[in-house]
């Protein structure tokens, strides 16, 4: 695939294959195609310390997801429940679909 084309989409279930969260599974919330990064639910949590703005609003510690590089993610097939590579297939009606390279199942984003 060309640079920027991964086959991953929003609402896909992915597993982290490298880094501090290796082995954890989450759902893609957002994809930045320009930076090749994805925001994954409950993965790559960062801590941000916010100073108090005035006397009424106290300071706080926020925990939120930070983007992770898409090369560190691999799709989890809903049929065979394994991490898989993605293939493309053209159906008889001319529409293109993503297919699992292991079991051959048609892949759809779980939010559509």
PDB file of N, CA and C in Angstrom:
ATOM      1  N   UNK A   1       0.832  -1.186   0.000  1.00  0.00           N
ATOM      2  CA  UNK A   1       0.000   0.000   0.000  1.00  0.00           C
ATOM      3  C   UNK A   1       0.871   1.242   0.000  1.00  0.00           C
ATOM      4  N   UNK A   2       0.334   2.296  -0.601  1.00  0.00           N
ATOM      5  CA  UNK A   2       1.060   3.546  -0.629  1.00  0.00           C
ATOM      6  C   UNK A   2       1.082   4.188   0.746  1.00  0.00           C
ATOM      7  N   UNK A   3       1.988   5.152   0.914  1.00  0.00           N
ATOM      8  CA  UNK A   3       2.075   5.848   2.194  1.00  0.00           C
ATOM      9  C   UNK A   3       0.751   6.544   2.487  1.00  0.00           C
ATOM     10  N   UNK A   4       0.263   6.383   3.713  1.00  0.00           N
ATOM     11  CA  UNK A   4      -1.006   6.982   4.100  1.00  0.00           C
ATOM     12  C   UNK A   4      -2.184   6.040   3.922  1.00  0.00           C
ATOM     13  N   UNK A   5      -1.995   4.937   3.192  1.00  0.00           N
ATOM     14  CA  UNK A   5      -3.069   3.971   3.017  1.00  0.00           C
ATOM     15  C   UNK A   5      -2.773   2.750   3.878  1.00  0.00           C
ATOM     16  N   UNK A   6      -3.591   2.540   4.891  1.00  0.00           N
ATOM     17  CA  UNK A   6      -3.349   1.422   5.802  1.00  0.00           C
ATOM     18  C   UNK A   6      -4.460   0.397   5.757  1.00  0.00           C
ATOM     19  N   UNK A   7      -5.636   0.808   5.314  1.00  0.00           N
ATOM     20  CA  UNK A   7      -6.780  -0.084   5.374  1.00  0.00           C
ATOM     21  C   UNK A   7      -7.529   0.040   6.677  1.00  0.00           C
ATOM     22  N   UNK A   8      -6.974   0.751   7.651  1.00  0.00           N
ATOM     23  CA  UNK A   8      -7.658   0.947   8.926  1.00  0.00           C
ATOM     24  C   UNK A   8      -8.672   2.075   8.791  1.00  0.00           C
ATOM     25  N   UNK A   9      -9.787   1.925   9.504  1.00  0.00           N
ATOM     26  CA  UNK A   9     -10.846   2.924   9.473  1.00  0.00           C
ATOM     27  C   UNK A   9     -11.324   3.224  10.882  1.00  0.00           C
ATOM     28  N   UNK A  10     -12.068   4.298  10.998  1.00  0.00           N
ATOM     29  CA  UNK A  10     -12.677   4.656  12.269  1.00  0.00           C
ATOM     30  C   UNK A  10     -13.613   3.529  12.707  1.00  0.00           C
ATOM     31  N   UNK A  11     -13.673   3.271  14.005  1.00  0.00           N
ATOM     32  CA  UNK A  11     -14.492   2.223  14.634  1.00  0.00           C
ATOM     33  C   UNK A  11     -13.947   0.809  14.429  1.00  0.00           C
ATOM     34  N   UNK A  12     -12.776   0.648  13.808  1.00  0.00           N
ATOM     35  CA  UNK A  12     -12.151  -0.675  13.709  1.00  0.00           C
ATOM     36  C   UNK A  12     -11.590  -1.083  15.064  1.00  0.00           C
ATOM     37  N   UNK A  13     -11.635  -2.380  15.353  1.00  0.00           N
ATOM     38  CA  UNK A  13     -11.030  -2.925  16.564  1.00  0.00           C
ATOM     39  C   UNK A  13      -9.579  -3.260  16.210  1.00  0.00           C
ATOM     40  N   UNK A  14      -8.619  -2.679  16.940  1.00  0.00           N
ATOM     41  CA  UNK A  14      -7.208  -2.893  16.636  1.00  0.00           C
ATOM     42  C   UNK A  14      -6.453  -3.335  17.884  1.00  0.00           C
ATOM     43  N   UNK A  15      -5.321  -3.995  17.643  1.00  0.00           N
ATOM     44  CA  UNK A  15      -4.422  -4.392  18.727  1.00  0.00           C
ATOM     45  C   UNK A  15      -3.098  -3.674  18.530  1.00  0.00           C
ATOM     46  N   UNK A  16      -2.494  -3.226  19.621  1.00  0.00           N
ATOM     47  CA  UNK A  16      -1.194  -2.565  19.564  1.00  0.00           C
ATOM     48  C   UNK A  16      -0.125  -3.650  19.485  1.00  0.00           C
ATOM     49  N   UNK A  17       0.755  -3.543  18.483  1.00  0.00           N
ATOM     50  CA  UNK A  17       1.764  -4.583  18.277  1.00  0.00           C
ATOM     51  C   UNK A  17       3.160  -4.136  18.690  1.00  0.00           C
ATOM     52  N   UNK A  18       3.318  -2.858  19.079  1.00  0.00           N
ATOM     53  CA  UNK A  18       4.624  -2.356  19.517  1.00  0.00           C
ATOM     54  C   UNK A  18       4.420  -1.193  20.463  1.00  0.00           C
ATOM     55  N   UNK A  19       5.354  -1.037  21.385  1.00  0.00           N
ATOM     56  CA  UNK A  19       5.299   0.096  22.300  1.00  0.00           C
ATOM     57  C   UNK A  19       4.854  -0.310  23.697  1.00  0.00           C
ATOM     58  N   UNK A  20       4.622   0.698  24.534  1.00  0.00           N
ATOM     59  CA  UNK A  20       4.312   0.438  25.945  1.00  0.00           C
ATOM     60  C   UNK A  20       2.960  -0.242  26.145  1.00  0.00           C
ATOM     61  N   UNK A  21       2.036  -0.099  25.203  1.00  0.00           N
ATOM     62  CA  UNK A  21       0.710  -0.705  25.308  1.00  0.00           C
ATOM     63  C   UNK A  21       0.588  -1.971  24.472  1.00  0.00           C
ATOM     64  N   UNK A  22       1.709  -2.612  24.163  1.00  0.00           N
ATOM     65  CA  UNK A  22       1.709  -3.805  23.308  1.00  0.00           C
ATOM     66  C   UNK A  22       0.771  -4.875  23.856  1.00  0.00           C
ATOM     67  N   UNK A  23      -0.083  -5.413  22.966  1.00  0.00           N
ATOM     68  CA  UNK A  23      -1.007  -6.473  23.348  1.00  0.00           C
ATOM     69  C   UNK A  23      -2.390  -5.968  23.726  1.00  0.00           C
ATOM     70  N   UNK A  24      -2.557  -4.664  23.942  1.00  0.00           N
ATOM     71  CA  UNK A  24      -3.859  -4.130  24.329  1.00  0.00           C
ATOM     72  C   UNK A  24      -4.724  -3.882  23.099  1.00  0.00           C
ATOM     73  N   UNK A  25      -6.026  -4.001  23.275  1.00  0.00           N
ATOM     74  CA  UNK A  25      -6.982  -3.879  22.182  1.00  0.00           C
ATOM     75  C   UNK A  25      -7.892  -2.690  22.444  1.00  0.00           C
ATOM     76  N   UNK A  26      -8.214  -1.936  21.395  1.00  0.00           N
ATOM     77  CA  UNK A  26      -9.117  -0.802  21.518  1.00  0.00           C
ATOM     78  C   UNK A  26      -9.741  -0.455  20.187  1.00  0.00           C
ATOM     79  N   UNK A  27     -10.679   0.493  20.224  1.00  0.00           N
ATOM     80  CA  UNK A  27     -11.407   0.921  19.030  1.00  0.00           C
ATOM     81  C   UNK A  27     -10.817   2.237  18.543  1.00  0.00           C
ATOM     82  N   UNK A  28     -10.654   2.385  17.232  1.00  0.00           N
ATOM     83  CA  UNK A  28     -10.124   3.621  16.658  1.00  0.00           C
ATOM     84  C   UNK A  28     -11.192   4.708  16.760  1.00  0.00           C
ATOM     85  N   UNK A  29     -10.825   5.824  17.388  1.00  0.00           N
ATOM     86  CA  UNK A  29     -11.739   6.955  17.525  1.00  0.00           C
ATOM     87  C   UNK A  29     -11.557   7.962  16.397  1.00  0.00           C
ATOM     88  N   UNK A  30     -10.310   8.146  15.946  1.00  0.00           N
ATOM     89  CA  UNK A  30     -10.013   9.159  14.941  1.00  0.00           C
ATOM     90  C   UNK A  30      -8.721   8.775  14.239  1.00  0.00           C
ATOM     91  N   UNK A  31      -8.610   9.090  12.945  1.00  0.00           N
ATOM     92  CA  UNK A  31      -7.394   8.817  12.182  1.00  0.00           C
ATOM     93  C   UNK A  31      -6.914  10.106  11.535  1.00  0.00           C
ATOM     94  N   UNK A  32      -5.612  10.394  11.682  1.00  0.00           N
ATOM     95  CA  UNK A  32      -4.983  11.534  11.015  1.00  0.00           C
ATOM     96  C   UNK A  32      -4.123  10.973   9.890  1.00  0.00           C
ATOM     97  N   UNK A  33      -4.621  11.025   8.679  1.00  0.00           N
ATOM     98  CA  UNK A  33      -3.932  10.430   7.529  1.00  0.00           C
ATOM     99  C   UNK A  33      -2.636  11.179   7.187  1.00  0.00           C
ATOM    100  N   UNK A  34      -2.597  12.488   7.435  1.00  0.00           N
ATOM    101  CA  UNK A  34      -1.406  13.281   7.116  1.00  0.00           C
ATOM    102  C   UNK A  34      -0.220  12.876   8.001  1.00  0.00           C
ATOM    103  N   UNK A  35      -0.477  12.664   9.296  1.00  0.00           N
ATOM    104  CA  UNK A  35       0.594  12.326  10.238  1.00  0.00           C
ATOM    105  C   UNK A  35       0.727  10.822  10.440  1.00  0.00           C
ATOM    106  N   UNK A  36      -0.118  10.015   9.793  1.00  0.00           N
ATOM    107  CA  UNK A  36      -0.118   8.556   9.943  1.00  0.00           C
ATOM    108  C   UNK A  36      -0.284   8.144  11.407  1.00  0.00           C
ATOM    109  N   UNK A  37      -1.218   8.777  12.093  1.00  0.00           N
ATOM    110  CA  UNK A  37      -1.470   8.492  13.498  1.00  0.00           C
ATOM    111  C   UNK A  37      -2.952   8.255  13.728  1.00  0.00           C
ATOM    112  N   UNK A  38      -3.244   7.471  14.761  1.00  0.00           N
ATOM    113  CA  UNK A  38      -4.633   7.168  15.100  1.00  0.00           C
ATOM    114  C   UNK A  38      -4.838   7.362  16.599  1.00  0.00           C
ATOM    115  N   UNK A  39      -6.032   7.784  16.952  1.00  0.00           N
ATOM    116  CA  UNK A  39      -6.425   7.926  18.345  1.00  0.00           C
ATOM    117  C   UNK A  39      -7.239   6.689  18.691  1.00  0.00           C
ATOM    118  N   UNK A  40      -6.732   5.879  19.628  1.00  0.00           N
ATOM    119  CA  UNK A  40      -7.373   4.613  19.968  1.00  0.00           C
ATOM    120  C   UNK A  40      -7.897   4.694  21.401  1.00  0.00           C
ATOM    121  N   UNK A  41      -9.105   4.198  21.586  1.00  0.00           N
ATOM    122  CA  UNK A  41      -9.781   4.236  22.882  1.00  0.00           C
ATOM    123  C   UNK A  41      -8.971   3.495  23.954  1.00  0.00           C
ATOM    124  N   UNK A  42      -8.672   4.178  25.062  1.00  0.00           N
ATOM    125  CA  UNK A  42      -7.967   3.632  26.220  1.00  0.00           C
ATOM    126  C   UNK A  42      -6.545   3.147  25.923  1.00  0.00           C
ATOM    127  N   UNK A  43      -5.916   3.661  24.860  1.00  0.00           N
ATOM    128  CA  UNK A  43      -4.543   3.291  24.502  1.00  0.00           C
ATOM    129  C   UNK A  43      -3.694   4.557  24.485  1.00  0.00           C
ATOM    130  N   UNK A  44      -2.436   4.442  24.923  1.00  0.00           N
ATOM    131  CA  UNK A  44      -1.475   5.544  24.939  1.00  0.00           C
ATOM    132  C   UNK A  44      -2.005   6.721  25.761  1.00  0.00           C
ATOM    133  N   UNK A  45      -2.380   6.436  27.009  1.00  0.00           N
ATOM    134  CA  UNK A  45      -2.933   7.449  27.905  1.00  0.00           C
ATOM    135  C   UNK A  45      -1.818   8.384  28.371  1.00  0.00           C
ATOM    136  N   UNK A  46      -2.060   9.695  28.248  1.00  0.00           N
ATOM    137  CA  UNK A  46      -1.105  10.685  28.720  1.00  0.00           C
ATOM    138  C   UNK A  46      -1.722  11.479  29.860  1.00  0.00           C
ATOM    139  N   UNK A  47      -0.867  12.042  30.713  1.00  0.00           N
ATOM    140  CA  UNK A  47      -1.316  12.843  31.843  1.00  0.00           C
ATOM    141  C   UNK A  47      -0.982  14.297  31.573  1.00  0.00           C
ATOM    142  N   UNK A  48      -1.967  15.164  31.734  1.00  0.00           N
ATOM    143  CA  UNK A  48      -1.764  16.590  31.527  1.00  0.00           C
ATOM    144  C   UNK A  48      -2.121  17.317  32.812  1.00  0.00           C
ATOM    145  N   UNK A  49      -1.202  18.143  33.290  1.00  0.00           N
ATOM    146  CA  UNK A  49      -1.432  18.921  34.504  1.00  0.00           C
ATOM    147  C   UNK A  49      -1.914  20.306  34.086  1.00  0.00           C
ATOM    148  N   UNK A  50      -3.076  20.682  34.574  1.00  0.00           N
ATOM    149  CA  UNK A  50      -3.657  21.984  34.224  1.00  0.00           C
ATOM    150  C   UNK A  50      -3.586  22.900  35.448  1.00  0.00           C
ATOM    151  N   UNK A  51      -3.019  24.085  35.257  1.00  0.00           N
ATOM    152  CA  UNK A  51      -2.913  25.055  36.346  1.00  0.00           C
ATOM    153  C   UNK A  51      -4.274  25.684  36.627  1.00  0.00           C
ATOM    154  N   UNK A  52      -4.473  26.162  37.844  1.00  0.00           N
ATOM    155  CA  UNK A  52      -5.732  26.856  38.132  1.00  0.00           C
ATOM    156  C   UNK A  52      -5.801  28.189  37.378  1.00  0.00           C
ATOM    157  N   UNK A  53      -6.970  28.480  36.796  1.00  0.00           N
ATOM    158  CA  UNK A  53      -7.156  29.721  36.059  1.00  0.00           C
ATOM    159  C   UNK A  53      -7.422  30.861  37.036  1.00  0.00           C
ATOM    160  N   UNK A  54      -8.273  30.625  38.003  1.00  0.00           N
ATOM    161  CA  UNK A  54      -8.558  31.617  39.042  1.00  0.00           C
ATOM    162  C   UNK A  54      -8.916  30.875  40.333  1.00  0.00           C
ATOM    163  N   UNK A  55      -9.372  31.591  41.331  1.00  0.00           N
ATOM    164  CA  UNK A  55      -9.662  30.982  42.630  1.00  0.00           C
ATOM    165  C   UNK A  55     -10.855  30.021  42.575  1.00  0.00           C
ATOM    166  N   UNK A  56     -11.811  30.250  41.657  1.00  0.00           N
ATOM    167  CA  UNK A  56     -12.988  29.396  41.567  1.00  0.00           C
ATOM    168  C   UNK A  56     -12.697  28.058  40.868  1.00  0.00           C
ATOM    169  N   UNK A  57     -11.787  28.088  39.890  1.00  0.00           N
ATOM    170  CA  UNK A  57     -11.503  26.851  39.152  1.00  0.00           C
ATOM    171  C   UNK A  57     -10.153  26.293  39.612  1.00  0.00           C
ATOM    172  N   UNK A  58     -10.159  25.172  40.311  1.00  0.00           N
ATOM    173  CA  UNK A  58      -8.895  24.617  40.810  1.00  0.00           C
ATOM    174  C   UNK A  58      -8.090  23.952  39.690  1.00  0.00           C
ATOM    175  N   UNK A  59      -6.812  23.700  39.965  1.00  0.00           N
ATOM    176  CA  UNK A  59      -5.994  22.950  39.025  1.00  0.00           C
ATOM    177  C   UNK A  59      -6.441  21.502  39.007  1.00  0.00           C
ATOM    178  N   UNK A  60      -6.054  20.790  37.965  1.00  0.00           N
ATOM    179  CA  UNK A  60      -6.478  19.395  37.864  1.00  0.00           C
ATOM    180  C   UNK A  60      -5.470  18.592  37.059  1.00  0.00           C
ATOM    181  N   UNK A  61      -5.579  17.285  37.185  1.00  0.00           N
ATOM    182  CA  UNK A  61      -4.759  16.365  36.403  1.00  0.00           C
ATOM    183  C   UNK A  61      -5.700  15.631  35.456  1.00  0.00           C
ATOM    184  N   UNK A  62      -5.479  15.793  34.156  1.00  0.00           N
ATOM    185  CA  UNK A  62      -6.325  15.166  33.137  1.00  0.00           C
ATOM    186  C   UNK A  62      -5.606  13.962  32.546  1.00  0.00           C
ATOM    187  N   UNK A  63      -6.365  12.912  32.269  1.00  0.00           N
ATOM    188  CA  UNK A  63      -5.829  11.742  31.575  1.00  0.00           C
ATOM    189  C   UNK A  63      -6.614  11.595  30.276  1.00  0.00           C
ATOM    190  N   UNK A  64      -5.886  11.556  29.149  1.00  0.00           N
ATOM    191  CA  UNK A  64      -6.552  11.407  27.857  1.00  0.00           C
ATOM    192  C   UNK A  64      -5.674  10.627  26.902  1.00  0.00           C
ATOM    193  N   UNK A  65      -6.297  10.143  25.828  1.00  0.00           N
ATOM    194  CA  UNK A  65      -5.574   9.359  24.835  1.00  0.00           C
ATOM    195  C   UNK A  65      -4.723  10.272  23.964  1.00  0.00           C
ATOM    196  N   UNK A  66      -3.525   9.818  23.650  1.00  0.00           N
ATOM    197  CA  UNK A  66      -2.656  10.514  22.707  1.00  0.00           C
ATOM    198  C   UNK A  66      -2.600   9.680  21.429  1.00  0.00           C
ATOM    199  N   UNK A  67      -2.373  10.318  20.284  1.00  0.00           N
ATOM    200  CA  UNK A  67      -2.298   9.556  19.033  1.00  0.00           C
ATOM    201  C   UNK A  67      -1.126   8.581  19.027  1.00  0.00           C
ATOM    202  N   UNK A  68      -1.319   7.458  18.362  1.00  0.00           N
ATOM    203  CA  UNK A  68      -0.278   6.434  18.235  1.00  0.00           C
ATOM    204  C   UNK A  68      -0.054   6.195  16.744  1.00  0.00           C
ATOM    205  N   UNK A  69       1.177   5.894  16.361  1.00  0.00           N
ATOM    206  CA  UNK A  69       1.482   5.692  14.940  1.00  0.00           C
ATOM    207  C   UNK A  69       0.767   4.443  14.431  1.00  0.00           C
ATOM    208  N   UNK A  70       0.207   4.534  13.217  1.00  0.00           N
ATOM    209  CA  UNK A  70      -0.604   3.425  12.708  1.00  0.00           C
ATOM    210  C   UNK A  70       0.221   2.184  12.358  1.00  0.00           C
ATOM    211  N   UNK A  71       1.544   2.336  12.249  1.00  0.00           N
ATOM    212  CA  UNK A  71       2.380   1.157  12.005  1.00  0.00           C
ATOM    213  C   UNK A  71       2.438   0.271  13.245  1.00  0.00           C
ATOM    214  N   UNK A  72       2.054   0.816  14.399  1.00  0.00           N
ATOM    215  CA  UNK A  72       2.051   0.041  15.644  1.00  0.00           C
ATOM    216  C   UNK A  72       0.701  -0.597  15.921  1.00  0.00           C
ATOM    217  N   UNK A  73      -0.219  -0.519  14.964  1.00  0.00           N
ATOM    218  CA  UNK A  73      -1.563  -1.070  15.129  1.00  0.00           C
ATOM    219  C   UNK A  73      -1.811  -2.162  14.108  1.00  0.00           C
ATOM    220  N   UNK A  74      -2.619  -3.157  14.507  1.00  0.00           N
ATOM    221  CA  UNK A  74      -3.011  -4.216  13.582  1.00  0.00           C
ATOM    222  C   UNK A  74      -4.477  -4.535  13.809  1.00  0.00           C
ATOM    223  N   UNK A  75      -5.208  -4.691  12.734  1.00  0.00           N
ATOM    224  CA  UNK A  75      -6.641  -4.937  12.798  1.00  0.00           C
ATOM    225  C   UNK A  75      -6.948  -6.296  13.423  1.00  0.00           C
ATOM    226  N   UNK A  76      -8.001  -6.340  14.234  1.00  0.00           N
ATOM    227  CA  UNK A  76      -8.486  -7.589  14.803  1.00  0.00           C
ATOM    228  C   UNK A  76      -9.722  -8.005  13.999  1.00  0.00           C
ATOM    229  N   UNK A  77      -9.666  -9.179  13.378  1.00  0.00           N
ATOM    230  CA  UNK A  77     -10.782  -9.679  12.566  1.00  0.00           C
ATOM    231  C   UNK A  77     -11.936 -10.073  13.483  1.00  0.00           C
ATOM    232  N   UNK A  78     -13.163  -9.592  13.198  1.00  0.00           N
ATOM    233  CA  UNK A  78     -14.298  -9.967  14.037  1.00  0.00           C
ATOM    234  C   UNK A  78     -14.708 -11.436  13.884  1.00  0.00           C
ATOM    235  N   UNK A  79     -14.346 -12.062  12.776  1.00  0.00           N
ATOM    236  CA  UNK A  79     -14.722 -13.465  12.544  1.00  0.00           C
ATOM    237  C   UNK A  79     -13.775 -14.435  13.250  1.00  0.00           C
ATOM    238  N   UNK A  80     -12.460 -14.299  12.975  1.00  0.00           N
ATOM    239  CA  UNK A  80     -11.500 -15.247  13.548  1.00  0.00           C
ATOM    240  C   UNK A  80     -10.839 -14.714  14.820  1.00  0.00           C
ATOM    241  N   UNK A  81     -11.159 -13.493  15.225  1.00  0.00           N
ATOM    242  CA  UNK A  81     -10.663 -12.827  16.449  1.00  0.00           C
ATOM    243  C   UNK A  81      -9.139 -12.880  16.574  1.00  0.00           C
ATOM    244  N   UNK A  82      -8.439 -12.754  15.452  1.00  0.00           N
ATOM    245  CA  UNK A  82      -6.982 -12.709  15.443  1.00  0.00           C
ATOM    246  C   UNK A  82      -6.536 -11.419  14.767  1.00  0.00           C
ATOM    247  N   UNK A  83      -5.292 -11.000  15.043  1.00  0.00           N
ATOM    248  CA  UNK A  83      -4.767  -9.844  14.327  1.00  0.00           C
ATOM    249  C   UNK A  83      -4.439 -10.278  12.908  1.00  0.00           C
ATOM    250  N   UNK A  84      -4.872  -9.491  11.943  1.00  0.00           N
ATOM    251  CA  UNK A  84      -4.761  -9.898  10.541  1.00  0.00           C
ATOM    252  C   UNK A  84      -4.283  -8.750   9.671  1.00  0.00           C
ATOM    253  N   UNK A  85      -3.771  -9.124   8.509  1.00  0.00           N
ATOM    254  CA  UNK A  85      -3.504  -8.146   7.470  1.00  0.00           C
ATOM    255  C   UNK A  85      -4.780  -8.003   6.642  1.00  0.00           C
ATOM    256  N   UNK A  86      -4.876  -6.884   5.940  1.00  0.00           N
ATOM    257  CA  UNK A  86      -6.104  -6.567   5.216  1.00  0.00           C
ATOM    258  C   UNK A  86      -5.860  -6.679   3.720  1.00  0.00           C
ATOM    259  N   UNK A  87      -6.782  -7.342   3.023  1.00  0.00           N
ATOM    260  CA  UNK A  87      -6.746  -7.412   1.578  1.00  0.00           C
ATOM    261  C   UNK A  87      -7.935  -6.666   1.003  1.00  0.00           C
ATOM    262  N   UNK A  88      -7.905  -6.393  -0.295  1.00  0.00           N
ATOM    263  CA  UNK A  88      -9.020  -5.719  -0.971  1.00  0.00           C
ATOM    264  C   UNK A  88      -9.597  -6.674  -2.009  1.00  0.00           C
ATOM    265  N   UNK A  89     -10.914  -6.599  -2.189  1.00  0.00           N
ATOM    266  CA  UNK A  89     -11.583  -7.479  -3.132  1.00  0.00           C
ATOM    267  C   UNK A  89     -12.697  -6.694  -3.807  1.00  0.00           C
ATOM    268  N   UNK A  90     -12.900  -6.934  -5.102  1.00  0.00           N
ATOM    269  CA  UNK A  90     -13.988  -6.291  -5.838  1.00  0.00           C
ATOM    270  C   UNK A  90     -15.113  -7.304  -5.993  1.00  0.00           C
ATOM    271  N   UNK A  91     -16.303  -6.928  -5.545  1.00  0.00           N
ATOM    272  CA  UNK A  91     -17.459  -7.822  -5.632  1.00  0.00           C
ATOM    273  C   UNK A  91     -18.068  -7.777  -7.024  1.00  0.00           C
ATOM    274  N   UNK A  92     -19.071  -8.646  -7.268  1.00  0.00           N
ATOM    275  CA  UNK A  92     -19.704  -8.714  -8.585  1.00  0.00           C
ATOM    276  C   UNK A  92     -20.381  -7.407  -8.966  1.00  0.00           C
ATOM    277  N   UNK A  93     -20.919  -6.694  -7.983  1.00  0.00           N
ATOM    278  CA  UNK A  93     -21.612  -5.433  -8.276  1.00  0.00           C
ATOM    279  C   UNK A  93     -20.645  -4.272  -8.472  1.00  0.00           C
ATOM    280  N   UNK A  94     -19.331  -4.523  -8.362  1.00  0.00           N
ATOM    281  CA  UNK A  94     -18.328  -3.487  -8.607  1.00  0.00           C
ATOM    282  C   UNK A  94     -17.866  -2.755  -7.361  1.00  0.00           C
ATOM    283  N   UNK A  95     -18.436  -3.067  -6.203  1.00  0.00           N
ATOM    284  CA  UNK A  95     -18.027  -2.387  -4.981  1.00  0.00           C
ATOM    285  C   UNK A  95     -16.780  -3.060  -4.397  1.00  0.00           C
ATOM    286  N   UNK A  96     -15.932  -2.244  -3.768  1.00  0.00           N
ATOM    287  CA  UNK A  96     -14.712  -2.754  -3.158  1.00  0.00           C
ATOM    288  C   UNK A  96     -14.954  -3.009  -1.678  1.00  0.00           C
ATOM    289  N   UNK A  97     -14.419  -4.123  -1.172  1.00  0.00           N
ATOM    290  CA  UNK A  97     -14.540  -4.448   0.253  1.00  0.00           C
ATOM    291  C   UNK A  97     -13.170  -4.857   0.784  1.00  0.00           C
ATOM    292  N   UNK A  98     -13.010  -4.748   2.095  1.00  0.00           N
ATOM    293  CA  UNK A  98     -11.807  -5.219   2.763  1.00  0.00           C
ATOM    294  C   UNK A  98     -12.038  -6.659   3.197  1.00  0.00           C
ATOM    295  N   UNK A  99     -11.011  -7.497   3.053  1.00  0.00           N
ATOM    296  CA  UNK A  99     -11.144  -8.903   3.445  1.00  0.00           C
ATOM    297  C   UNK A  99     -10.005  -9.287   4.382  1.00  0.00           C
ATOM    298  N   UNK A 100     -10.288 -10.240   5.253  1.00  0.00           N
ATOM    299  CA  UNK A 100      -9.299 -10.793   6.179  1.00  0.00           C
ATOM    300  C   UNK A 100      -8.380 -11.716   5.393  1.00  0.00           C
ATOM    301  N   UNK A 101      -7.063 -11.559   5.555  1.00  0.00           N
ATOM    302  CA  UNK A 101      -6.111 -12.402   4.829  1.00  0.00           C
ATOM    303  C   UNK A 101      -6.045 -13.817   5.406  1.00  0.00           C
ATOM    304  N   UNK A 102      -6.489 -14.005   6.670  1.00  0.00           N
ATOM    305  CA  UNK A 102      -6.419 -15.333   7.288  1.00  0.00           C
ATOM    306  C   UNK A 102      -7.647 -16.177   6.972  1.00  0.00           C
ATOM    307  N   UNK A 103      -8.849 -15.615   7.236  1.00  0.00           N
ATOM    308  CA  UNK A 103     -10.066 -16.423   7.075  1.00  0.00           C
ATOM    309  C   UNK A 103     -10.873 -16.040   5.843  1.00  0.00           C
ATOM    310  N   UNK A 104     -10.546 -14.922   5.194  1.00  0.00           N
ATOM    311  CA  UNK A 104     -11.242 -14.522   3.976  1.00  0.00           C
ATOM    312  C   UNK A 104     -12.571 -13.817   4.217  1.00  0.00           C
ATOM    313  N   UNK A 105     -12.896 -13.516   5.479  1.00  0.00           N
ATOM    314  CA  UNK A 105     -14.169 -12.857   5.807  1.00  0.00           C
ATOM    315  C   UNK A 105     -14.153 -11.394   5.354  1.00  0.00           C
ATOM    316  N   UNK A 106     -15.317 -10.900   4.994  1.00  0.00           N
ATOM    317  CA  UNK A 106     -15.461  -9.502   4.626  1.00  0.00           C
ATOM    318  C   UNK A 106     -15.446  -8.658   5.880  1.00  0.00           C
ATOM    319  N   UNK A 107     -14.642  -7.599   5.883  1.00  0.00           N
ATOM    320  CA  UNK A 107     -14.506  -6.740   7.046  1.00  0.00           C
ATOM    321  C   UNK A 107     -15.308  -5.454   6.865  1.00  0.00           C
ATOM    322  N   UNK A 108     -16.065  -5.105   7.881  1.00  0.00           N
ATOM    323  CA  UNK A 108     -16.776  -3.830   7.887  1.00  0.00           C
ATOM    324  C   UNK A 108     -16.466  -3.139   9.203  1.00  0.00           C
ATOM    325  N   UNK A 109     -16.444  -1.805   9.190  1.00  0.00           N
ATOM    326  CA  UNK A 109     -16.211  -1.063  10.431  1.00  0.00           C
ATOM    327  C   UNK A 109     -17.406  -1.301  11.334  1.00  0.00           C
ATOM    328  N   UNK A 110     -17.167  -1.528  12.618  1.00  0.00           N
ATOM    329  CA  UNK A 110     -18.229  -1.930  13.545  1.00  0.00           C
ATOM    330  C   UNK A 110     -19.155  -0.805  13.926  1.00  0.00           C
ATOM    331  N   UNK A 111     -19.076   0.352  13.332  1.00  0.00           N
ATOM    332  CA  UNK A 111     -19.987   1.440  13.665  1.00  0.00           C
ATOM    333  C   UNK A 111     -20.891   1.803  12.507  1.00  0.00           C
ATOM    334  N   UNK A 112     -20.812   1.024  11.423  1.00  0.00           N
ATOM    335  CA  UNK A 112     -21.569   1.383  10.220  1.00  0.00           C
ATOM    336  C   UNK A 112     -22.738   0.466   9.998  1.00  0.00           C
TER     337      UNK A 112
END
